[in-house]
Amino acid sequence: MKWLNLQLIKAQLRMEQDFTEEDELLTLYGESAEQTILDQTRRTEAELVEMGGGESVPPTIKQASLMLVDVSYQYRSPVSAQNMSIVPYTFDLLVKPYVKLTDDSKPETA
């Protein structure tokens, strides 16, 4: 994981730190949450770290990542019409300021 770790994830889930039976699953959720953040913001980890002051990603990005892990852990099945579960609106509020609106990698055409 890039900015999450098992200790932080277990604290979010109110899970005992010495409970290790689901560490592989929690790591998968953590990696998936981080990748989702990168996909949603259209930024690299380095860009987010720079936006966070150079040490780590901004706290709101960490919080949004932990929210994704929490939702993944609580709702392990796919969503269907009978079992609707969405990520809380707070996630959008946390991530939206970091979304890149333009693609700087494409050369401009005249």
N, C-alpha and C. Protein backbone atom coordinates (compact mmCIF):
# COMPACT_ATOMS: atom_id res chain seq x y z
N MET A 1 0.85 -1.19 0.00
CA MET A 1 0.00 0.00 0.00
C MET A 1 0.89 1.24 0.00
N LYS A 2 0.36 2.29 -0.58
CA LYS A 2 1.14 3.51 -0.76
C LYS A 2 1.02 4.47 0.44
N TRP A 3 -0.20 4.75 0.90
CA TRP A 3 -0.37 5.68 2.01
C TRP A 3 -1.20 5.11 3.15
N LEU A 4 -1.81 3.98 2.94
CA LEU A 4 -2.51 3.29 4.02
C LEU A 4 -1.60 2.19 4.56
N ASN A 5 -1.92 1.69 5.73
CA ASN A 5 -1.24 0.52 6.29
C ASN A 5 -2.25 -0.26 7.12
N LEU A 6 -1.88 -1.47 7.46
CA LEU A 6 -2.82 -2.33 8.20
C LEU A 6 -3.21 -1.75 9.55
N GLN A 7 -2.28 -1.10 10.23
CA GLN A 7 -2.58 -0.51 11.53
C GLN A 7 -3.69 0.54 11.41
N LEU A 8 -3.57 1.40 10.42
CA LEU A 8 -4.57 2.44 10.19
C LEU A 8 -5.91 1.83 9.77
N ILE A 9 -5.87 0.84 8.89
CA ILE A 9 -7.10 0.18 8.44
C ILE A 9 -7.80 -0.50 9.60
N LYS A 10 -7.05 -1.21 10.42
CA LYS A 10 -7.66 -1.91 11.56
C LYS A 10 -8.24 -0.91 12.56
N ALA A 11 -7.60 0.22 12.74
CA ALA A 11 -8.14 1.25 13.63
C ALA A 11 -9.47 1.77 13.07
N GLN A 12 -9.53 2.00 11.75
CA GLN A 12 -10.76 2.45 11.11
C GLN A 12 -11.89 1.44 11.31
N LEU A 13 -11.57 0.17 11.21
CA LEU A 13 -12.58 -0.89 11.32
C LEU A 13 -12.84 -1.30 12.77
N ARG A 14 -12.17 -0.64 13.71
CA ARG A 14 -12.27 -0.98 15.14
C ARG A 14 -11.93 -2.45 15.37
N MET A 15 -10.86 -2.87 14.73
CA MET A 15 -10.41 -4.26 14.78
C MET A 15 -9.14 -4.34 15.64
N GLU A 16 -9.04 -5.37 16.43
CA GLU A 16 -7.84 -5.56 17.24
C GLU A 16 -6.62 -5.68 16.33
N GLN A 17 -5.54 -5.01 16.70
CA GLN A 17 -4.33 -5.01 15.89
C GLN A 17 -3.71 -6.40 15.77
N ASP A 18 -3.87 -7.22 16.80
CA ASP A 18 -3.26 -8.56 16.77
C ASP A 18 -4.12 -9.60 16.03
N PHE A 19 -5.29 -9.20 15.55
CA PHE A 19 -6.12 -10.08 14.73
C PHE A 19 -5.56 -10.05 13.31
N THR A 20 -5.00 -11.18 12.87
CA THR A 20 -4.28 -11.20 11.59
C THR A 20 -4.93 -12.08 10.54
N GLU A 21 -6.04 -12.75 10.87
CA GLU A 21 -6.66 -13.69 9.94
C GLU A 21 -7.11 -13.04 8.63
N GLU A 22 -7.43 -11.77 8.66
CA GLU A 22 -7.93 -11.11 7.45
C GLU A 22 -6.96 -10.08 6.89
N ASP A 23 -5.70 -10.15 7.28
CA ASP A 23 -4.71 -9.16 6.83
C ASP A 23 -4.58 -9.14 5.31
N GLU A 24 -4.61 -10.29 4.68
CA GLU A 24 -4.49 -10.32 3.21
C GLU A 24 -5.68 -9.62 2.56
N LEU A 25 -6.87 -9.87 3.07
CA LEU A 25 -8.07 -9.23 2.55
C LEU A 25 -8.03 -7.72 2.79
N LEU A 26 -7.62 -7.31 3.99
CA LEU A 26 -7.55 -5.88 4.31
C LEU A 26 -6.51 -5.18 3.44
N THR A 27 -5.41 -5.86 3.15
CA THR A 27 -4.40 -5.30 2.26
C THR A 27 -4.97 -5.12 0.86
N LEU A 28 -5.72 -6.10 0.38
CA LEU A 28 -6.37 -5.98 -0.93
C LEU A 28 -7.32 -4.79 -0.95
N TYR A 29 -8.14 -4.64 0.10
CA TYR A 29 -9.07 -3.52 0.17
C TYR A 29 -8.31 -2.19 0.20
N GLY A 30 -7.22 -2.15 0.93
CA GLY A 30 -6.42 -0.93 1.01
C GLY A 30 -5.81 -0.56 -0.33
N GLU A 31 -5.24 -1.54 -1.01
CA GLU A 31 -4.65 -1.29 -2.33
C GLU A 31 -5.72 -0.86 -3.33
N SER A 32 -6.87 -1.50 -3.27
CA SER A 32 -7.97 -1.15 -4.17
C SER A 32 -8.48 0.26 -3.89
N ALA A 33 -8.58 0.62 -2.64
CA ALA A 33 -9.04 1.97 -2.27
C ALA A 33 -8.07 3.03 -2.79
N GLU A 34 -6.78 2.78 -2.62
CA GLU A 34 -5.79 3.73 -3.11
C GLU A 34 -5.85 3.86 -4.63
N GLN A 35 -5.99 2.75 -5.31
CA GLN A 35 -6.09 2.80 -6.78
C GLN A 35 -7.34 3.53 -7.22
N THR A 36 -8.44 3.34 -6.49
CA THR A 36 -9.68 4.04 -6.81
C THR A 36 -9.48 5.55 -6.66
N ILE A 37 -8.79 5.96 -5.62
CA ILE A 37 -8.51 7.39 -5.42
C ILE A 37 -7.68 7.93 -6.58
N LEU A 38 -6.65 7.20 -6.97
CA LEU A 38 -5.82 7.64 -8.10
C LEU A 38 -6.64 7.73 -9.37
N ASP A 39 -7.51 6.75 -9.60
CA ASP A 39 -8.36 6.75 -10.79
C ASP A 39 -9.36 7.91 -10.76
N GLN A 40 -9.97 8.13 -9.61
CA GLN A 40 -10.99 9.17 -9.49
C GLN A 40 -10.40 10.58 -9.62
N THR A 41 -9.20 10.77 -9.09
CA THR A 41 -8.58 12.09 -9.14
C THR A 41 -7.79 12.32 -10.43
N ARG A 42 -7.50 11.26 -11.15
CA ARG A 42 -6.67 11.32 -12.35
C ARG A 42 -5.30 11.92 -12.03
N ARG A 43 -4.79 11.58 -10.87
CA ARG A 43 -3.48 12.06 -10.43
C ARG A 43 -2.59 10.89 -10.06
N THR A 44 -1.30 11.17 -10.02
CA THR A 44 -0.34 10.16 -9.57
C THR A 44 -0.19 10.30 -8.05
N GLU A 45 0.42 9.28 -7.46
CA GLU A 45 0.69 9.36 -6.03
C GLU A 45 1.59 10.56 -5.75
N ALA A 46 2.60 10.78 -6.59
CA ALA A 46 3.53 11.90 -6.39
C ALA A 46 2.80 13.24 -6.39
N GLU A 47 1.83 13.40 -7.28
CA GLU A 47 1.05 14.65 -7.32
C GLU A 47 0.27 14.84 -6.02
N LEU A 48 -0.34 13.76 -5.54
CA LEU A 48 -1.12 13.86 -4.30
C LEU A 48 -0.21 14.14 -3.11
N VAL A 49 0.96 13.52 -3.09
CA VAL A 49 1.91 13.77 -2.00
C VAL A 49 2.34 15.23 -2.02
N GLU A 50 2.61 15.75 -3.20
CA GLU A 50 2.98 17.17 -3.32
C GLU A 50 1.86 18.06 -2.80
N MET A 51 0.63 17.71 -3.11
CA MET A 51 -0.52 18.48 -2.64
C MET A 51 -0.70 18.36 -1.12
N GLY A 52 -0.15 17.29 -0.56
CA GLY A 52 -0.23 17.08 0.88
C GLY A 52 0.93 17.69 1.64
N GLY A 53 1.78 18.42 0.94
CA GLY A 53 2.90 19.08 1.61
C GLY A 53 4.23 18.38 1.43
N GLY A 54 4.24 17.30 0.65
CA GLY A 54 5.50 16.63 0.35
C GLY A 54 5.82 15.42 1.21
N GLU A 55 5.13 15.25 2.31
CA GLU A 55 5.39 14.11 3.20
C GLU A 55 4.49 12.92 2.90
N SER A 56 3.23 13.18 2.69
CA SER A 56 2.23 12.15 2.43
C SER A 56 1.07 12.80 1.70
N VAL A 57 0.12 11.97 1.29
CA VAL A 57 -1.09 12.51 0.65
C VAL A 57 -1.85 13.34 1.68
N PRO A 58 -2.72 14.25 1.23
CA PRO A 58 -3.51 15.05 2.17
C PRO A 58 -4.36 14.15 3.09
N PRO A 59 -4.60 14.60 4.31
CA PRO A 59 -5.42 13.82 5.25
C PRO A 59 -6.79 13.46 4.69
N THR A 60 -7.40 14.33 3.91
CA THR A 60 -8.71 14.03 3.36
C THR A 60 -8.65 12.86 2.37
N ILE A 61 -7.53 12.71 1.67
CA ILE A 61 -7.36 11.57 0.77
C ILE A 61 -7.23 10.29 1.58
N LYS A 62 -6.49 10.34 2.68
CA LYS A 62 -6.39 9.17 3.56
C LYS A 62 -7.77 8.80 4.11
N GLN A 63 -8.52 9.82 4.55
CA GLN A 63 -9.85 9.56 5.11
C GLN A 63 -10.76 8.94 4.05
N ALA A 64 -10.75 9.47 2.84
CA ALA A 64 -11.58 8.91 1.77
C ALA A 64 -11.18 7.48 1.48
N SER A 65 -9.89 7.19 1.50
CA SER A 65 -9.40 5.84 1.26
C SER A 65 -9.90 4.88 2.34
N LEU A 66 -9.84 5.34 3.57
CA LEU A 66 -10.32 4.50 4.68
C LEU A 66 -11.83 4.27 4.59
N MET A 67 -12.56 5.27 4.10
CA MET A 67 -14.01 5.09 3.91
C MET A 67 -14.28 4.01 2.88
N LEU A 68 -13.49 3.99 1.81
CA LEU A 68 -13.66 2.95 0.79
C LEU A 68 -13.36 1.57 1.37
N VAL A 69 -12.30 1.48 2.17
CA VAL A 69 -11.97 0.20 2.81
C VAL A 69 -13.11 -0.25 3.71
N ASP A 70 -13.65 0.69 4.49
CA ASP A 70 -14.73 0.37 5.41
C ASP A 70 -15.95 -0.15 4.66
N VAL A 71 -16.34 0.50 3.57
CA VAL A 71 -17.49 0.06 2.78
C VAL A 71 -17.21 -1.31 2.17
N SER A 72 -16.01 -1.51 1.66
CA SER A 72 -15.66 -2.82 1.07
C SER A 72 -15.71 -3.93 2.10
N TYR A 73 -15.27 -3.63 3.32
CA TYR A 73 -15.26 -4.63 4.38
C TYR A 73 -16.67 -4.96 4.85
N GLN A 74 -17.49 -3.94 4.99
CA GLN A 74 -18.85 -4.16 5.48
C GLN A 74 -19.75 -4.83 4.45
N TYR A 75 -19.56 -4.48 3.18
CA TYR A 75 -20.42 -4.98 2.12
C TYR A 75 -19.57 -5.77 1.14
N ARG A 76 -19.37 -7.02 1.43
CA ARG A 76 -18.46 -7.85 0.64
C ARG A 76 -19.09 -8.41 -0.62
N SER A 77 -20.37 -8.22 -0.80
CA SER A 77 -21.05 -8.75 -1.98
C SER A 77 -21.29 -7.64 -2.99
N PRO A 78 -21.45 -8.00 -4.26
CA PRO A 78 -21.76 -6.99 -5.26
C PRO A 78 -23.10 -6.33 -4.97
N VAL A 79 -23.25 -5.12 -5.44
CA VAL A 79 -24.49 -4.38 -5.23
C VAL A 79 -25.52 -4.84 -6.27
N SER A 80 -26.74 -5.01 -5.82
CA SER A 80 -27.84 -5.35 -6.72
C SER A 80 -29.02 -4.43 -6.38
N ALA A 81 -30.05 -4.51 -7.17
CA ALA A 81 -31.23 -3.67 -6.92
C ALA A 81 -31.83 -3.95 -5.54
N GLN A 82 -31.71 -5.19 -5.08
CA GLN A 82 -32.26 -5.55 -3.77
C GLN A 82 -31.32 -5.18 -2.63
N ASN A 83 -30.03 -5.01 -2.94
CA ASN A 83 -29.04 -4.77 -1.90
C ASN A 83 -28.19 -3.56 -2.29
N MET A 84 -28.81 -2.37 -2.26
CA MET A 84 -28.12 -1.16 -2.67
C MET A 84 -27.27 -0.63 -1.52
N SER A 85 -26.03 -0.29 -1.84
CA SER A 85 -25.13 0.31 -0.88
C SER A 85 -24.19 1.23 -1.63
N ILE A 86 -24.18 2.49 -1.27
CA ILE A 86 -23.30 3.43 -1.96
C ILE A 86 -22.28 3.99 -0.98
N VAL A 87 -21.19 4.47 -1.52
CA VAL A 87 -20.21 5.14 -0.70
C VAL A 87 -20.83 6.46 -0.25
N PRO A 88 -20.67 6.81 1.01
CA PRO A 88 -21.30 8.04 1.51
C PRO A 88 -20.88 9.27 0.70
N TYR A 89 -21.78 10.27 0.62
CA TYR A 89 -21.53 11.49 -0.12
C TYR A 89 -20.27 12.19 0.37
N THR A 90 -19.93 11.99 1.63
CA THR A 90 -18.72 12.58 2.19
C THR A 90 -17.50 12.23 1.35
N PHE A 91 -17.45 11.04 0.78
CA PHE A 91 -16.34 10.63 -0.06
C PHE A 91 -16.14 11.63 -1.19
N ASP A 92 -17.22 11.99 -1.87
CA ASP A 92 -17.13 12.96 -2.97
C ASP A 92 -16.59 14.30 -2.49
N LEU A 93 -17.04 14.73 -1.34
CA LEU A 93 -16.59 16.01 -0.79
C LEU A 93 -15.10 15.98 -0.48
N LEU A 94 -14.59 14.84 -0.03
CA LEU A 94 -13.18 14.72 0.32
C LEU A 94 -12.28 14.65 -0.91
N VAL A 95 -12.74 13.98 -1.94
CA VAL A 95 -11.90 13.71 -3.11
C VAL A 95 -12.02 14.80 -4.18
N LYS A 96 -13.16 15.41 -4.32
CA LYS A 96 -13.41 16.35 -5.42
C LYS A 96 -12.36 17.46 -5.56
N PRO A 97 -11.87 18.05 -4.48
CA PRO A 97 -10.88 19.12 -4.65
C PRO A 97 -9.58 18.67 -5.32
N TYR A 98 -9.33 17.38 -5.36
CA TYR A 98 -8.07 16.87 -5.91
C TYR A 98 -8.20 16.33 -7.33
N VAL A 99 -9.40 16.37 -7.88
CA VAL A 99 -9.62 15.83 -9.22
C VAL A 99 -8.97 16.75 -10.25
N LYS A 100 -8.16 16.14 -11.10
CA LYS A 100 -7.52 16.88 -12.19
C LYS A 100 -8.53 17.01 -13.31
N LEU A 101 -8.77 18.24 -13.74
CA LEU A 101 -9.80 18.49 -14.73
C LEU A 101 -9.26 18.46 -16.16
N THR A 102 -7.96 18.58 -16.33
CA THR A 102 -7.36 18.54 -17.67
C THR A 102 -6.28 17.48 -17.71
N ASP A 103 -5.99 17.03 -18.92
CA ASP A 103 -4.93 16.04 -19.11
C ASP A 103 -3.69 16.77 -19.61
N ASP A 104 -2.74 17.01 -18.71
CA ASP A 104 -1.53 17.76 -19.04
C ASP A 104 -0.56 16.98 -19.91
N SER A 105 -0.78 15.68 -20.03
CA SER A 105 0.16 14.83 -20.75
C SER A 105 0.00 14.92 -22.28
N LYS A 106 -1.14 15.40 -22.75
CA LYS A 106 -1.38 15.47 -24.19
C LYS A 106 -0.87 16.80 -24.74
N PRO A 107 -0.11 16.77 -25.81
CA PRO A 107 0.39 18.03 -26.39
C PRO A 107 -0.76 18.83 -26.99
N GLU A 108 -0.65 20.15 -26.87
CA GLU A 108 -1.68 21.01 -27.44
C GLU A 108 -1.51 21.06 -28.95
N THR A 109 -2.62 21.12 -29.65
CA THR A 109 -2.58 21.21 -31.11
C THR A 109 -2.94 22.63 -31.51
N ALA A 110 -2.31 23.09 -32.56
CA ALA A 110 -2.54 24.47 -33.00
C ALA A 110 -3.66 24.56 -33.99
